[in-house]
C-alpha cells in the first residue's frame, strides 16, 4: 500500500511531494524538484501533518511510495531518522528548537535522509524563528526540514524566503466522508454527517464519527446558542460552553495522560502502585508539567471548536434569511434555524458572525474566555414572535 493512500483531497500536493521524493537522491536536473526546506500550509484539518509524515516516510525509505516498515515506525514517531518538534503549549520554546537543530546535524542512521518535522510552526516566536533561519538555509546534505503552518503569513518573511511552500486546499465533504468509510469503517450516513459538521476538518470528522459523546456535546452547543434570549441567559450559556469545552479537553487528554504516565513508570523500572523514589520524582514532575500545558492548550482548542461550530450555525441562519441555494452544514436542525432566522434581520446575524470572530481573536490574545464568550453571546440574542408581541 502506498504511503499516500490514506490522504484525501490533496492530489496536486501529493504529486509534488512524490516527485520530490523520487528525485531526492538524483543528480542532474531532476533533483531540482527536491529542496531541503519545506513549508506545508493549509486550513486546520486539511491534513498538513499527515502529508508531512507521508513525505518523511518516502524520504527516509528512499522510495517514492514509502515502505511498510518505515511507515509503521514513522507513524509511531519511533524511527531513528525522524525528529518531531511539536508543542503541547501555546508557543514553541527556543530551547526546544536548539535541541532539534543539534540533532539535525546527525547523519541518517538507517534511512536515506534525516527528516525534521515542525508541527504548528506558527507557534514559534520571532526570536525562535530567527534561531532557525541558518539551519533552513544551509541544512546538512541529507537533512530535510518540513514546517507546517496554517498560512505563510504566520511565519516571519525571512523564514518564508528559505523554504519551498506547498499550499493545501480543504478537501470536500464527499472526500472526507469517503476517507472515514475506507480508513475507519464508518457507515456512509454517519461519515457524511461527520464530515459535513466538521466542515471537512479531517481530525474533527474522525472524532465526531467515532465518539457519541463528542456528537452530543456539539448538539448541545448549538441548542444552547439558539435559546439565548437575554443577557442573563448569555452569561449562563457562556459558563456552560466552558464546561463543555472542559469536558471535551478532558476526554482528549485523560487517556493519553494515563498512558504516558504508565509508560514513564515502566521505563523507570517502577511497577504500578510502587512509590516513586525521590531521585526519580523530577522526571515525573516534568511529565506532569507537560501534561498541564497540554490541558491548557486542549481547553483553548475546545473553546475554539465551539466558536467554529457556532459560526457554522449562524452561517446557516444567514443563508436561510437570504434564501440562498447553498447546502447547510447543520441541516438536521433546519427547523430550529428557520425559527431563529425569522426572529432577526440578516444584519443582526452578520453582526453575530463578526462577534464570533472577535471572540476567537480575543481569546487568542489571552482575554478571559468567559468574558469573550459572554460578549459574543449578547450579540446572538434572539426574541420569538410571541416575546416581541408581548413587548
Protein backbone atom coordinates (compact mmCIF):
# COMPACT_ATOMS: atom_id res chain seq x y z
CA UNK A 1 0.00 0.00 0.00
CA UNK A 2 1.31 3.45 -0.91
CA UNK A 3 2.13 5.85 1.91
CA UNK A 4 -0.16 8.35 0.16
CA UNK A 5 -3.23 6.08 0.19
CA UNK A 6 -4.85 7.47 3.35
CA UNK A 7 -4.57 11.10 2.25
CA UNK A 8 -7.54 12.75 0.63
CA UNK A 9 -8.30 15.82 -1.43
CA UNK A 10 -4.64 16.79 -1.98
CA UNK A 11 -3.73 15.20 -5.31
CA UNK A 12 -1.65 18.17 -6.51
CA UNK A 13 0.36 18.35 -3.29
CA UNK A 14 0.89 14.59 -3.29
CA UNK A 15 2.22 14.78 -6.85
CA UNK A 16 4.72 17.47 -5.79
CA UNK A 17 5.99 15.51 -2.80
CA UNK A 18 6.08 12.18 -4.58
CA UNK A 19 8.14 13.69 -7.40
CA UNK A 20 10.45 15.33 -4.85
CA UNK A 21 10.96 12.03 -3.04
CA UNK A 22 11.69 10.32 -6.34
CA UNK A 23 14.26 12.99 -7.23
CA UNK A 24 15.75 13.23 -3.73
CA UNK A 25 18.73 11.04 -4.49
CA UNK A 26 19.16 12.07 -8.12
CA UNK A 27 21.80 14.33 -9.51
CA UNK A 28 21.13 16.35 -12.66
CA UNK A 29 18.06 18.41 -13.46
CA UNK A 30 15.62 16.00 -11.81
CA UNK A 31 16.99 16.95 -8.38
CA UNK A 32 15.71 20.48 -8.89
CA UNK A 33 12.32 19.15 -7.79
CA UNK A 34 13.81 18.48 -4.37
CA UNK A 35 14.78 21.05 -1.78
CA UNK A 36 15.84 20.59 1.83
CA UNK A 37 13.46 23.09 3.48
CA UNK A 38 9.68 22.84 3.01
CA UNK A 39 6.61 24.62 4.34
CA UNK A 40 3.19 22.97 4.16
CA UNK A 41 0.31 25.41 4.63
CA UNK A 42 -3.41 24.87 4.72
CA UNK A 43 -6.51 25.38 6.87
CA UNK A 44 -6.79 23.45 10.15
CA UNK A 45 -7.91 19.91 9.38
CA UNK A 46 -6.64 19.92 5.79
CA UNK A 47 -4.07 17.24 6.61
CA UNK A 48 -0.81 19.22 6.89
CA UNK A 49 0.80 16.90 9.44
CA UNK A 50 -0.42 13.73 7.73
CA UNK A 51 1.13 14.86 4.46
CA UNK A 52 4.37 15.82 6.23
CA UNK A 53 4.70 12.35 7.77
CA UNK A 54 3.89 10.66 4.46
CA UNK A 55 6.62 12.71 2.76
CA UNK A 56 9.01 11.87 5.60
CA UNK A 57 8.29 8.16 5.10
CA UNK A 58 9.06 8.41 1.39
CA UNK A 59 12.30 10.32 2.01
CA UNK A 60 13.59 8.08 4.78
CA UNK A 61 12.76 4.86 2.90
CA UNK A 62 14.25 6.13 -0.36
CA UNK A 63 11.10 5.03 -2.20
CA UNK A 64 8.54 7.49 -3.64
CA UNK A 65 5.67 5.41 -2.23
CA UNK A 66 7.42 4.51 1.02
CA UNK A 67 7.56 1.04 2.53
CA UNK A 68 5.57 -0.64 5.27
CA UNK A 69 8.35 -0.97 7.84
CA UNK A 70 9.30 2.72 7.62
CA UNK A 71 5.64 3.79 7.62
CA UNK A 72 4.97 1.91 10.88
CA UNK A 73 7.98 3.48 12.58
CA UNK A 74 7.17 6.98 11.34
CA UNK A 75 3.54 6.69 12.48
CA UNK A 76 4.81 5.61 15.91
CA UNK A 77 7.30 8.52 15.84
CA UNK A 78 9.99 5.97 16.69
CA UNK A 79 12.15 5.99 13.56
CA UNK A 80 15.74 6.98 14.44
CA UNK A 81 15.95 9.27 11.40
CA UNK A 82 12.78 11.21 12.23
CA UNK A 83 12.75 14.16 14.63
CA UNK A 84 9.50 15.92 15.53
CA UNK A 85 9.13 19.33 17.13
CA UNK A 86 5.61 19.79 18.42
CA UNK A 87 4.35 21.75 21.37
CA UNK A 88 1.64 20.98 23.88
CA UNK A 89 1.74 24.60 24.98
CA UNK A 90 0.90 27.89 23.34
CA UNK A 91 4.37 28.58 21.91
CA UNK A 92 7.40 26.62 20.73
CA UNK A 93 10.33 27.40 23.01
CA UNK A 94 13.78 28.37 21.80
CA UNK A 95 15.38 25.62 23.89
CA UNK A 96 13.30 23.03 22.03
CA UNK A 97 14.47 24.41 18.68
CA UNK A 98 18.09 24.47 19.88
CA UNK A 99 17.93 20.77 20.75
CA UNK A 100 16.35 19.70 17.49
CA UNK A 101 18.84 21.82 15.50
CA UNK A 102 21.64 19.94 17.26
CA UNK A 103 20.10 16.62 16.27
CA UNK A 104 19.59 17.75 12.68
CA UNK A 105 23.36 17.55 12.14
CA UNK A 106 23.46 13.81 12.78
CA UNK A 107 23.87 11.65 9.69
CA UNK A 108 20.94 9.33 8.87
CA UNK A 109 21.18 6.11 10.89
CA UNK A 110 19.38 3.62 8.65
CA UNK A 111 17.39 5.69 6.17
CA UNK A 112 18.29 7.74 3.13
CA UNK A 113 17.52 11.08 4.86
CA UNK A 114 17.11 12.56 8.31
CA UNK A 115 13.78 14.40 8.43
CA UNK A 116 12.83 17.15 10.91
CA UNK A 117 9.10 17.96 11.13
CA UNK A 118 8.00 21.13 12.92
CA UNK A 119 4.28 20.96 13.61
CA UNK A 120 2.48 24.24 14.29
CA UNK A 121 5.49 26.26 13.15
CA UNK A 122 3.28 29.34 13.52
CA UNK A 123 3.69 28.94 17.29
CA UNK A 124 7.36 29.92 17.12
CA UNK A 125 8.16 33.36 18.48
CA UNK A 126 10.19 35.73 16.31
CA UNK A 127 13.28 35.05 18.42
CA UNK A 128 12.84 31.29 17.98
CA UNK A 129 12.25 31.70 14.24
CA UNK A 130 15.44 33.72 13.84
CA UNK A 131 17.38 30.98 15.60
CA UNK A 132 16.13 28.51 12.98
CA UNK A 133 16.99 30.62 9.93
CA UNK A 134 20.51 29.42 9.24
CA UNK A 135 19.51 25.77 9.51
CA UNK A 136 16.77 26.20 6.93
CA UNK A 137 19.12 27.98 4.57
CA UNK A 138 22.02 25.53 4.77
CA UNK A 139 20.94 22.21 6.31
CA UNK A 140 23.29 19.21 6.24
CA UNK A 141 23.28 17.38 2.92
CA UNK A 142 20.83 14.63 3.83
CA UNK A 143 18.69 16.53 6.35
CA UNK A 144 15.25 17.74 5.28
CA UNK A 145 13.16 20.25 7.25
CA UNK A 146 9.34 20.19 6.91
CA UNK A 147 7.43 23.02 8.61
CA UNK A 148 3.63 23.04 8.97
CA UNK A 149 1.50 26.17 9.50
CA UNK A 150 -1.96 27.48 8.55
CA UNK A 151 -0.52 30.08 6.16
CA UNK A 152 2.73 31.67 5.03
CA UNK A 153 1.70 34.89 6.76
CA UNK A 154 2.00 33.10 10.12
CA UNK A 155 5.79 32.95 9.71
CA UNK A 156 8.34 35.75 9.50
CA UNK A 157 9.40 36.81 5.97
CA UNK A 158 12.95 35.52 6.37
CA UNK A 159 11.62 32.02 7.11
CA UNK A 160 9.29 32.17 4.11
CA UNK A 161 12.19 33.11 1.83
CA UNK A 162 14.13 29.98 2.80
CA UNK A 163 11.50 27.32 2.22
CA UNK A 164 9.53 25.89 -0.67
CA UNK A 165 5.83 26.28 0.11
CA UNK A 166 3.15 23.76 -0.79
CA UNK A 167 -0.37 25.02 -0.18
CA UNK A 168 -3.12 22.56 0.65
CA UNK A 169 -6.78 23.02 -0.12
CA UNK A 170 -9.65 21.93 2.09
CA UNK A 171 -10.98 18.54 0.98
CA UNK A 172 -14.67 18.26 0.12
CA UNK A 173 -17.32 16.68 2.33
CA UNK A 174 -17.52 13.73 -0.06
CA UNK A 175 -13.74 13.20 0.06
CA UNK A 176 -13.58 13.30 3.87
CA UNK A 177 -16.61 11.01 4.16
CA UNK A 178 -15.03 8.54 1.75
CA UNK A 179 -11.84 8.57 3.84
CA UNK A 180 -13.80 7.83 7.03
CA UNK A 181 -15.56 4.94 5.32
CA UNK A 182 -12.39 3.49 3.80
CA UNK A 183 -9.96 4.02 6.67
CA UNK A 184 -12.16 3.82 9.76
CA UNK A 185 -15.05 1.64 8.62
CA UNK A 186 -17.67 4.31 9.36
CA UNK A 187 -21.08 3.71 7.81
CA UNK A 188 -21.89 6.14 4.96
CA UNK A 189 -24.65 8.23 6.60
CA UNK A 190 -22.63 8.92 9.75
CA UNK A 191 -19.47 9.52 7.70
CA UNK A 192 -21.21 12.16 5.55
CA UNK A 193 -22.77 13.90 8.54
CA UNK A 194 -19.49 13.91 10.50
CA UNK A 195 -17.56 15.30 7.53
CA UNK A 196 -20.18 18.00 6.97
CA UNK A 197 -20.50 19.05 10.62
CA UNK A 198 -16.71 19.10 10.97
CA UNK A 199 -16.63 21.38 7.91
CA UNK A 200 -14.15 18.98 6.29
CA UNK A 201 -11.69 19.12 9.20
CA UNK A 202 -10.32 15.57 8.91
CA UNK A 203 -9.35 15.14 12.56
CA UNK A 204 -12.62 16.55 13.89
CA UNK A 205 -14.64 14.49 11.40
CA UNK A 206 -12.94 11.35 12.71
CA UNK A 207 -13.74 12.38 16.27
CA UNK A 208 -17.41 13.05 15.55
CA UNK A 209 -17.71 9.79 13.64
CA UNK A 210 -16.17 7.69 16.42
CA UNK A 211 -17.39 9.42 19.60
CA UNK A 212 -21.05 9.72 20.50
CA UNK A 213 -20.10 11.98 23.42
CA UNK A 214 -18.45 14.43 21.01
CA UNK A 215 -21.58 14.45 18.85
CA UNK A 216 -23.80 15.08 21.89
CA UNK A 217 -21.60 17.94 23.10
CA UNK A 218 -21.75 19.60 19.68
CA UNK A 219 -25.53 19.22 19.52
CA UNK A 220 -25.89 20.77 22.98
CA UNK A 221 -23.70 23.70 21.97
CA UNK A 222 -25.94 24.59 19.03
CA UNK A 223 -29.15 24.06 21.01
CA UNK A 224 -27.96 26.36 23.80
CA UNK A 225 -26.96 29.10 21.35
CA UNK A 226 -30.45 29.07 19.85
CA UNK A 227 -32.05 29.57 23.27
CA UNK A 228 -30.18 32.76 24.23
CA UNK A 229 -32.93 35.31 24.94
CA UNK A 230 -31.32 37.80 27.33
CA UNK A 231 -28.03 38.97 28.79
CA UNK A 232 -28.65 36.67 31.77
CA UNK A 233 -29.02 33.59 29.59
CA UNK A 234 -25.96 34.71 27.61
CA UNK A 235 -23.90 34.63 30.82
CA UNK A 236 -25.25 31.19 31.82
CA UNK A 237 -24.70 29.82 28.33
CA UNK A 238 -21.11 31.08 28.28
CA UNK A 239 -20.48 29.25 31.56
CA UNK A 240 -21.94 26.05 30.13
CA UNK A 241 -19.81 26.42 26.98
CA UNK A 242 -16.71 26.50 29.19
CA UNK A 243 -17.87 23.30 30.89
CA UNK A 244 -18.46 21.62 27.52
CA UNK A 245 -15.02 22.69 26.30
CA UNK A 246 -13.50 21.36 29.54
CA UNK A 247 -15.28 18.02 29.17
CA UNK A 248 -14.09 17.80 25.57
CA UNK A 249 -10.50 18.61 26.52
CA UNK A 250 -10.59 16.09 29.36
CA UNK A 251 -11.87 13.37 27.04
CA UNK A 252 -8.98 14.04 24.65
CA UNK A 253 -6.18 14.25 27.22
CA UNK A 254 -7.21 11.93 30.07
CA UNK A 255 -6.46 8.61 28.36
CA UNK A 256 -3.26 9.91 26.82
CA UNK A 257 -2.03 11.25 30.15
CA UNK A 258 -2.60 7.89 31.85
CA UNK A 259 -0.79 6.03 29.06
CA UNK A 260 2.15 8.43 29.21
CA UNK A 261 2.47 8.08 32.98
CA UNK A 262 2.31 4.28 32.81
CA UNK A 263 4.94 4.25 30.07
CA UNK A 264 7.16 6.62 32.07
CA UNK A 265 6.89 4.47 35.22
CA UNK A 266 7.69 1.35 33.20
CA UNK A 267 10.73 2.98 31.58
CA UNK A 268 11.95 3.97 35.06
CA UNK A 269 11.61 0.37 36.25
CA UNK A 270 8.67 1.03 38.58
CA UNK A 271 5.69 -1.29 38.97
CA UNK A 272 2.11 0.12 39.14
CA UNK A 273 1.42 1.40 42.65
CA UNK A 274 5.07 1.35 43.65
CA UNK A 275 6.25 4.52 45.47
CA UNK A 276 8.35 6.83 43.32
CA UNK A 277 11.86 7.32 44.74
CA UNK A 278 12.87 10.92 45.40
CA UNK A 279 15.61 10.76 42.76
CA UNK A 280 13.04 9.97 40.04
CA UNK A 281 10.40 12.49 41.04
CA UNK A 282 11.81 15.37 38.93
CA UNK A 283 11.30 13.29 35.77
CA UNK A 284 7.67 12.61 36.60
CA UNK A 285 7.22 16.26 37.61
CA UNK A 286 8.46 17.32 34.15
CA UNK A 287 5.93 14.96 32.55
CA UNK A 288 3.12 16.35 34.72
CA UNK A 289 4.09 19.91 33.79
CA UNK A 290 3.95 18.99 30.09
CA UNK A 291 0.53 17.43 30.60
CA UNK A 292 -0.74 20.56 32.36
CA UNK A 293 0.42 22.69 29.44
CA UNK A 294 -1.31 20.30 27.06
CA UNK A 295 -4.52 20.50 29.12
CA UNK A 296 -4.43 24.30 28.88
CA UNK A 297 -3.97 24.18 25.13
CA UNK A 298 -6.66 21.49 24.77
CA UNK A 299 -9.11 23.69 26.67
CA UNK A 300 -8.38 26.64 24.39
CA UNK A 301 -8.73 24.38 21.36
CA UNK A 302 -12.05 23.12 22.73
CA UNK A 303 -13.35 26.68 23.14
CA UNK A 304 -12.25 27.48 19.60
CA UNK A 305 -14.07 24.41 18.28
CA UNK A 306 -17.24 25.66 19.95
CA UNK A 307 -16.83 29.04 18.24
CA UNK A 308 -16.24 27.35 14.88
CA UNK A 309 -19.42 25.32 15.36
CA UNK A 310 -21.33 28.49 16.27
CA UNK A 311 -20.00 30.18 13.14
CA UNK A 312 -21.42 27.30 11.07
CA UNK A 313 -24.76 27.72 12.85
CA UNK A 314 -25.12 31.43 12.15
CA UNK A 315 -23.75 30.98 8.65
CA UNK A 316 -26.64 28.56 8.04
CA UNK A 317 -29.14 31.01 9.57
CA UNK A 318 -27.88 33.78 7.29
CA UNK A 319 -28.21 31.53 4.23
CA UNK A 320 -31.81 30.79 5.21
CA UNK A 321 -32.53 34.50 5.69
CA UNK A 322 -31.10 35.28 2.26
CA UNK A 323 -32.88 32.30 0.68
CA UNK A 324 -29.52 31.15 -0.72
CA UNK A 325 -29.43 27.85 -2.58
CA UNK A 326 -26.40 26.53 -0.71
CA UNK A 327 -26.07 23.32 1.32
CA UNK A 328 -26.49 23.78 5.06
CA UNK A 329 -23.88 22.47 7.49
CA UNK A 330 -26.40 21.75 10.25
CA UNK A 331 -29.34 20.58 8.18
CA UNK A 332 -30.53 18.17 10.91
CA UNK A 333 -31.76 21.22 12.90
CA UNK A 334 -33.07 23.20 9.92
CA UNK A 335 -36.49 23.81 11.50
CA UNK A 336 -34.90 25.37 14.61
CA UNK A 337 -32.62 27.51 12.45
CA UNK A 338 -35.58 28.72 10.41
CA UNK A 339 -37.28 29.90 13.61
CA UNK A 340 -34.08 31.71 14.58
CA UNK A 341 -33.84 33.23 11.10
CA UNK A 342 -37.35 34.65 11.41
CA UNK A 343 -36.55 36.29 14.75
CA UNK A 344 -33.86 38.69 13.49
CA UNK A 345 -32.69 40.55 10.42
CA UNK A 346 -29.76 39.36 8.28
CA UNK A 347 -27.73 42.34 9.54
CA UNK A 348 -28.08 41.03 13.10
CA UNK A 349 -26.85 37.59 12.03
CA UNK A 350 -23.87 39.18 10.28
CA UNK A 351 -23.09 41.06 13.48
CA UNK A 352 -23.15 37.77 15.39
CA UNK A 353 -20.74 36.20 12.91
CA UNK A 354 -18.43 39.18 13.35
CA UNK A 355 -18.71 38.83 17.13
CA UNK A 356 -17.71 35.17 16.93
CA UNK A 357 -14.55 36.09 15.03
CA UNK A 358 -13.79 38.86 17.52
CA UNK A 359 -14.21 36.36 20.38
CA UNK A 360 -11.72 33.99 18.73
CA UNK A 361 -9.20 36.81 18.37
CA UNK A 362 -9.71 37.99 21.95
CA UNK A 363 -9.21 34.50 23.39
CA UNK A 364 -6.12 34.08 21.24
CA UNK A 365 -4.92 37.35 22.77
CA UNK A 366 -5.40 35.91 26.30
CA UNK A 367 -8.66 37.64 27.16
CA UNK A 368 -10.58 35.62 29.74
CA UNK A 369 -12.65 33.10 27.71
CA UNK A 370 -15.75 33.63 29.86
CA UNK A 371 -15.79 37.37 29.14
CA UNK A 372 -15.18 36.86 25.41
CA UNK A 373 -17.95 34.27 25.17
CA UNK A 374 -20.42 36.42 27.13
CA UNK A 375 -19.80 39.42 24.88
CA UNK A 376 -20.22 37.27 21.80
CA UNK A 377 -23.46 35.65 23.01
CA UNK A 378 -25.06 39.01 23.80
CA UNK A 379 -24.93 39.71 20.06
CA UNK A 380 -26.69 36.37 19.46
CA UNK A 381 -29.79 37.26 21.50
CA UNK A 382 -32.96 36.44 19.56
CA UNK A 383 -36.56 37.01 20.59
CA UNK A 384 -39.50 34.94 19.40
CA UNK A 385 -42.57 36.42 17.73
CA UNK A 386 -44.56 35.87 20.95
CA UNK A 387 -41.95 37.73 23.01
CA UNK A 388 -41.90 40.66 20.58
CA UNK A 389 -45.69 40.84 20.70
CA UNK A 390 -45.70 40.84 24.47
CA UNK A 391 -43.15 43.64 24.50
